[in-house]
N, C-alpha and C. Protein backbone atom coordinates (compact mmCIF):
# COMPACT_ATOMS: atom_id res chain seq x y z
N MET A 1 -19.57 14.14 9.37
CA MET A 1 -18.25 14.38 8.82
C MET A 1 -17.98 13.39 7.69
N THR A 2 -17.46 13.88 6.61
CA THR A 2 -17.14 13.06 5.45
C THR A 2 -15.65 12.79 5.39
N THR A 3 -15.28 11.57 5.06
CA THR A 3 -13.89 11.21 4.87
C THR A 3 -13.66 10.92 3.41
N THR A 4 -12.57 11.44 2.87
CA THR A 4 -12.22 11.21 1.47
C THR A 4 -10.90 10.46 1.41
N ILE A 5 -10.87 9.42 0.59
CA ILE A 5 -9.65 8.68 0.34
C ILE A 5 -9.37 8.76 -1.14
N GLU A 6 -8.23 9.32 -1.50
CA GLU A 6 -7.86 9.47 -2.91
C GLU A 6 -6.92 8.34 -3.30
N ILE A 7 -7.21 7.71 -4.43
CA ILE A 7 -6.37 6.63 -4.94
C ILE A 7 -5.86 7.04 -6.32
N THR A 8 -4.56 6.97 -6.52
CA THR A 8 -3.96 7.33 -7.79
C THR A 8 -3.33 6.09 -8.41
N PHE A 9 -3.59 5.88 -9.70
CA PHE A 9 -3.07 4.72 -10.40
C PHE A 9 -2.04 5.15 -11.42
N GLY A 10 -0.98 4.34 -11.57
CA GLY A 10 0.04 4.59 -12.58
C GLY A 10 -0.45 4.15 -13.96
N ALA A 11 0.26 4.57 -14.99
CA ALA A 11 -0.13 4.30 -16.37
C ALA A 11 -0.16 2.80 -16.69
N ARG A 12 0.65 1.99 -16.01
CA ARG A 12 0.72 0.55 -16.31
C ARG A 12 -0.30 -0.27 -15.54
N GLU A 13 -1.01 0.32 -14.62
CA GLU A 13 -1.94 -0.44 -13.79
C GLU A 13 -3.22 -0.77 -14.56
N THR A 14 -3.71 -1.98 -14.35
CA THR A 14 -4.87 -2.48 -15.08
C THR A 14 -6.19 -2.20 -14.38
N LEU A 15 -6.15 -1.92 -13.11
CA LEU A 15 -7.38 -1.80 -12.33
C LEU A 15 -8.33 -0.68 -12.77
N PRO A 16 -7.86 0.50 -13.13
CA PRO A 16 -8.82 1.56 -13.50
C PRO A 16 -9.75 1.17 -14.64
N ALA A 17 -9.23 0.55 -15.67
CA ALA A 17 -10.09 0.14 -16.79
C ALA A 17 -11.06 -0.94 -16.36
N LEU A 18 -10.61 -1.88 -15.53
CA LEU A 18 -11.50 -2.93 -15.05
C LEU A 18 -12.62 -2.36 -14.19
N LEU A 19 -12.27 -1.44 -13.30
CA LEU A 19 -13.28 -0.79 -12.46
C LEU A 19 -14.30 -0.05 -13.31
N ARG A 20 -13.82 0.74 -14.24
CA ARG A 20 -14.70 1.54 -15.09
C ARG A 20 -15.67 0.65 -15.87
N ASN A 21 -15.15 -0.41 -16.48
CA ASN A 21 -16.01 -1.31 -17.26
C ASN A 21 -17.06 -1.99 -16.40
N GLN A 22 -16.65 -2.49 -15.23
CA GLN A 22 -17.59 -3.17 -14.35
C GLN A 22 -18.63 -2.20 -13.78
N ALA A 23 -18.21 -0.99 -13.48
CA ALA A 23 -19.15 0.03 -12.98
C ALA A 23 -20.21 0.32 -14.03
N ARG A 24 -19.80 0.49 -15.28
CA ARG A 24 -20.75 0.79 -16.35
C ARG A 24 -21.74 -0.36 -16.53
N LEU A 25 -21.26 -1.60 -16.45
CA LEU A 25 -22.15 -2.75 -16.59
C LEU A 25 -23.24 -2.77 -15.52
N ARG A 26 -22.93 -2.21 -14.36
CA ARG A 26 -23.87 -2.20 -13.24
C ARG A 26 -24.65 -0.90 -13.10
N GLY A 27 -24.39 0.05 -14.00
CA GLY A 27 -25.07 1.33 -13.92
C GLY A 27 -24.62 2.19 -12.76
N LEU A 28 -23.38 2.01 -12.33
CA LEU A 28 -22.82 2.76 -11.20
C LEU A 28 -21.72 3.70 -11.68
N THR A 29 -21.42 4.71 -10.87
CA THR A 29 -20.25 5.53 -11.14
C THR A 29 -19.02 4.74 -10.71
N ASP A 30 -17.86 5.20 -11.16
CA ASP A 30 -16.61 4.55 -10.75
C ASP A 30 -16.47 4.56 -9.23
N ALA A 31 -16.80 5.69 -8.61
CA ALA A 31 -16.66 5.83 -7.16
C ALA A 31 -17.62 4.90 -6.41
N GLU A 32 -18.87 4.80 -6.90
CA GLU A 32 -19.84 3.91 -6.24
C GLU A 32 -19.38 2.47 -6.30
N PHE A 33 -18.90 2.06 -7.46
CA PHE A 33 -18.45 0.68 -7.61
C PHE A 33 -17.20 0.41 -6.78
N ALA A 34 -16.25 1.34 -6.78
CA ALA A 34 -15.04 1.17 -5.98
C ALA A 34 -15.38 1.06 -4.49
N LYS A 35 -16.30 1.88 -4.03
CA LYS A 35 -16.69 1.82 -2.62
C LYS A 35 -17.34 0.47 -2.30
N ARG A 36 -18.18 -0.02 -3.19
CA ARG A 36 -18.82 -1.32 -2.99
C ARG A 36 -17.77 -2.42 -2.88
N LEU A 37 -16.77 -2.39 -3.78
CA LEU A 37 -15.72 -3.40 -3.74
C LEU A 37 -14.90 -3.33 -2.46
N ILE A 38 -14.59 -2.13 -2.03
CA ILE A 38 -13.80 -1.96 -0.80
C ILE A 38 -14.58 -2.51 0.40
N VAL A 39 -15.85 -2.16 0.50
CA VAL A 39 -16.67 -2.63 1.63
C VAL A 39 -16.74 -4.16 1.63
N GLU A 40 -17.04 -4.75 0.47
CA GLU A 40 -17.15 -6.20 0.40
C GLU A 40 -15.81 -6.88 0.69
N GLY A 41 -14.71 -6.29 0.18
CA GLY A 41 -13.40 -6.87 0.41
C GLY A 41 -12.98 -6.83 1.86
N VAL A 42 -13.23 -5.72 2.53
CA VAL A 42 -12.87 -5.61 3.94
C VAL A 42 -13.72 -6.57 4.78
N GLU A 43 -14.99 -6.68 4.44
CA GLU A 43 -15.84 -7.62 5.18
C GLU A 43 -15.32 -9.06 5.04
N ARG A 44 -14.90 -9.43 3.83
CA ARG A 44 -14.35 -10.78 3.64
C ARG A 44 -13.05 -10.97 4.41
N LEU A 45 -12.18 -9.96 4.39
CA LEU A 45 -10.92 -10.07 5.12
C LEU A 45 -11.16 -10.27 6.61
N GLU A 46 -12.10 -9.54 7.14
CA GLU A 46 -12.41 -9.68 8.56
C GLU A 46 -13.01 -11.05 8.85
N ALA A 47 -13.80 -11.56 7.91
CA ALA A 47 -14.49 -12.83 8.13
C ALA A 47 -13.53 -14.03 8.11
N ASP A 48 -12.63 -14.05 7.13
CA ASP A 48 -11.79 -15.25 7.02
C ASP A 48 -10.35 -15.04 7.47
N ASN A 49 -9.92 -13.80 7.62
CA ASN A 49 -8.60 -13.47 8.15
C ASN A 49 -7.46 -14.21 7.44
N GLU A 50 -7.62 -14.44 6.15
CA GLU A 50 -6.61 -15.10 5.34
C GLU A 50 -5.71 -14.05 4.69
N PRO A 51 -4.48 -14.40 4.31
CA PRO A 51 -3.65 -13.45 3.59
C PRO A 51 -4.32 -13.09 2.25
N PRO A 52 -4.32 -11.80 1.87
CA PRO A 52 -5.06 -11.38 0.69
C PRO A 52 -4.41 -11.69 -0.65
N SER A 53 -3.13 -12.05 -0.67
CA SER A 53 -2.46 -12.27 -1.95
C SER A 53 -1.23 -13.13 -1.76
N GLU A 54 -0.58 -13.45 -2.89
CA GLU A 54 0.62 -14.26 -2.84
C GLU A 54 1.86 -13.38 -2.79
N PRO A 55 2.80 -13.66 -1.88
CA PRO A 55 4.00 -12.84 -1.76
C PRO A 55 4.98 -13.03 -2.92
N GLU A 56 5.88 -12.10 -3.09
CA GLU A 56 6.95 -12.15 -4.09
C GLU A 56 8.19 -11.49 -3.50
N LYS A 57 9.30 -11.53 -4.26
CA LYS A 57 10.55 -10.96 -3.78
C LYS A 57 10.58 -9.43 -3.90
N THR A 58 10.01 -8.87 -4.98
CA THR A 58 9.98 -7.41 -5.14
C THR A 58 8.53 -6.95 -5.20
N ILE A 59 8.31 -5.66 -4.93
CA ILE A 59 6.96 -5.12 -4.96
C ILE A 59 6.39 -5.17 -6.38
N GLU A 60 7.22 -4.93 -7.39
CA GLU A 60 6.74 -4.99 -8.77
C GLU A 60 6.31 -6.41 -9.13
N ASP A 61 7.10 -7.41 -8.75
CA ASP A 61 6.73 -8.81 -9.00
C ASP A 61 5.42 -9.16 -8.28
N PHE A 62 5.27 -8.64 -7.07
CA PHE A 62 4.05 -8.85 -6.30
C PHE A 62 2.84 -8.32 -7.06
N PHE A 63 2.94 -7.09 -7.57
CA PHE A 63 1.82 -6.48 -8.29
C PHE A 63 1.52 -7.23 -9.59
N VAL A 64 2.54 -7.66 -10.30
CA VAL A 64 2.34 -8.42 -11.54
C VAL A 64 1.68 -9.76 -11.23
N ARG A 65 2.20 -10.47 -10.25
CA ARG A 65 1.67 -11.79 -9.90
C ARG A 65 0.22 -11.73 -9.46
N ASN A 66 -0.15 -10.65 -8.78
CA ASN A 66 -1.49 -10.52 -8.26
C ASN A 66 -2.43 -9.69 -9.16
N GLY A 67 -1.97 -9.42 -10.41
CA GLY A 67 -2.85 -8.81 -11.41
C GLY A 67 -3.00 -7.31 -11.39
N ALA A 68 -2.16 -6.59 -10.64
CA ALA A 68 -2.29 -5.15 -10.58
C ALA A 68 -1.45 -4.41 -11.61
N LEU A 69 -0.45 -5.07 -12.19
CA LEU A 69 0.40 -4.47 -13.23
C LEU A 69 0.55 -5.43 -14.38
N TYR A 70 0.74 -4.86 -15.58
CA TYR A 70 1.12 -5.68 -16.73
C TYR A 70 2.61 -5.93 -16.66
N ARG A 71 3.07 -7.03 -17.19
CA ARG A 71 4.50 -7.35 -17.28
C ARG A 71 5.14 -6.51 -18.35
């Protein structure tokens, strides 16, 4: 059985371009590189059980502070 997870990015988000560029540098598709990052990230979270980012007062401030949105 195959599981599909769809991720949609807004126009202001920086991650799609970063993923695409890094995937190309490694000779991978966007999906292959994204899957690799997810697997490695989850493994690290399980290993160290630390909070993954710095909190903020609003969700938009949180995304900007943690590099997911441009100001």
